[in-house]
């Protein structure tokens, strides 16, 4: 798998964006279901922004931690019966 990633990273930006689009489609769509033109354009735009350095990428852990804090500030209560302490667990938060 490392070889595939390494080779893909050597491709020109447009080719990497195309591959990224196809990979995202494979994760988000049911078999046989097509992405809407709006989603396809959004994916292409985001790939261009990343390739051009127009956007700042942040670690998912940072983004989720900030979101959890914002939710707590709005009075949202995380479920105490969370089965784990994983930051990405849909039942928990860093403090669960």
Protein backbone atom coordinates (compact mmCIF):
# COMPACT_ATOMS: atom_id res chain seq x y z
CA UNK A 1 0.00 0.00 0.00
CA UNK A 2 2.89 2.39 0.73
CA UNK A 3 4.08 1.91 -2.85
CA UNK A 4 0.66 2.92 -4.23
CA UNK A 5 0.54 6.04 -2.05
CA UNK A 6 4.11 6.97 -2.93
CA UNK A 7 3.43 6.63 -6.64
CA UNK A 8 0.15 8.57 -6.38
CA UNK A 9 1.90 11.46 -4.62
CA UNK A 10 4.27 11.82 -7.57
CA UNK A 11 1.37 12.44 -9.96
CA UNK A 12 0.48 15.96 -11.12
CA UNK A 13 -2.12 17.82 -9.00
CA UNK A 14 -5.00 17.20 -11.42
CA UNK A 15 -4.37 13.46 -11.45
CA UNK A 16 -4.16 13.37 -7.63
CA UNK A 17 -7.44 15.31 -7.42
CA UNK A 18 -9.11 12.84 -9.78
CA UNK A 19 -7.90 9.89 -7.70
CA UNK A 20 -8.99 11.61 -4.49
CA UNK A 21 -12.43 12.21 -5.99
CA UNK A 22 -12.81 8.56 -6.93
CA UNK A 23 -11.63 7.37 -3.51
CA UNK A 24 -14.05 9.69 -1.71
CA UNK A 25 -16.87 8.55 -3.96
CA UNK A 26 -16.09 4.95 -3.05
CA UNK A 27 -16.40 5.74 0.68
CA UNK A 28 -19.46 7.95 0.69
CA UNK A 29 -21.74 6.42 -1.91
CA UNK A 30 -23.78 3.26 -1.89
CA UNK A 31 -22.80 0.85 -4.65
CA UNK A 32 -24.22 2.14 -7.90
CA UNK A 33 -25.15 5.50 -6.42
CA UNK A 34 -23.63 8.51 -8.17
CA UNK A 35 -22.53 11.74 -6.53
CA UNK A 36 -24.50 14.80 -7.45
CA UNK A 37 -22.84 17.37 -9.70
CA UNK A 38 -22.69 19.75 -6.72
CA UNK A 39 -20.70 17.23 -4.65
CA UNK A 40 -18.39 16.49 -7.54
CA UNK A 41 -17.66 20.19 -7.99
CA UNK A 42 -17.14 20.65 -4.22
CA UNK A 43 -14.63 17.78 -4.17
CA UNK A 44 -12.76 19.17 -7.16
CA UNK A 45 -12.72 22.68 -5.65
CA UNK A 46 -11.43 21.40 -2.30
CA UNK A 47 -8.73 19.32 -3.99
CA UNK A 48 -7.60 22.37 -5.97
CA UNK A 49 -7.53 24.47 -2.78
CA UNK A 50 -5.39 21.86 -1.01
CA UNK A 51 -3.04 21.44 -3.97
CA UNK A 52 -2.67 25.22 -4.35
CA UNK A 53 -2.05 25.75 -0.63
CA UNK A 54 -5.08 28.05 -0.46
CA UNK A 55 -6.48 26.36 2.65
CA UNK A 56 -4.93 25.48 5.98
CA UNK A 57 -5.24 21.80 6.85
CA UNK A 58 -5.75 20.92 10.50
CA UNK A 59 -5.54 17.63 12.37
CA UNK A 60 -8.89 15.91 12.86
CA UNK A 61 -8.20 15.60 16.59
CA UNK A 62 -7.93 19.39 16.87
CA UNK A 63 -11.12 19.97 14.90
CA UNK A 64 -13.15 17.44 16.90
CA UNK A 65 -11.81 18.70 20.24
CA UNK A 66 -12.85 22.25 19.32
CA UNK A 67 -16.29 21.03 18.21
CA UNK A 68 -16.80 19.12 21.47
CA UNK A 69 -15.91 22.21 23.48
CA UNK A 70 -18.35 24.32 21.46
CA UNK A 71 -21.11 21.77 21.99
CA UNK A 72 -20.45 21.66 25.74
CA UNK A 73 -20.71 25.46 25.82
CA UNK A 74 -24.18 25.19 24.25
CA UNK A 75 -25.31 22.88 27.03
CA UNK A 76 -24.96 19.68 25.03
CA UNK A 77 -24.40 16.71 27.32
CA UNK A 78 -22.34 13.81 26.05
CA UNK A 79 -23.72 10.37 26.79
CA UNK A 80 -22.09 8.94 29.89
CA UNK A 81 -22.63 5.34 28.75
CA UNK A 82 -20.04 5.76 26.00
CA UNK A 83 -18.39 2.39 25.36
CA UNK A 84 -14.94 3.92 24.91
CA UNK A 85 -12.80 7.00 25.32
CA UNK A 86 -11.94 7.29 21.65
CA UNK A 87 -12.08 10.90 20.41
CA UNK A 88 -13.88 9.77 17.27
CA UNK A 89 -16.44 7.64 19.08
CA UNK A 90 -19.94 8.92 18.21
CA UNK A 91 -20.98 8.40 21.83
CA UNK A 92 -18.17 10.16 23.61
CA UNK A 93 -15.84 13.04 23.92
CA UNK A 94 -12.36 13.60 25.30
CA UNK A 95 -13.88 13.78 28.77
CA UNK A 96 -16.27 10.81 28.52
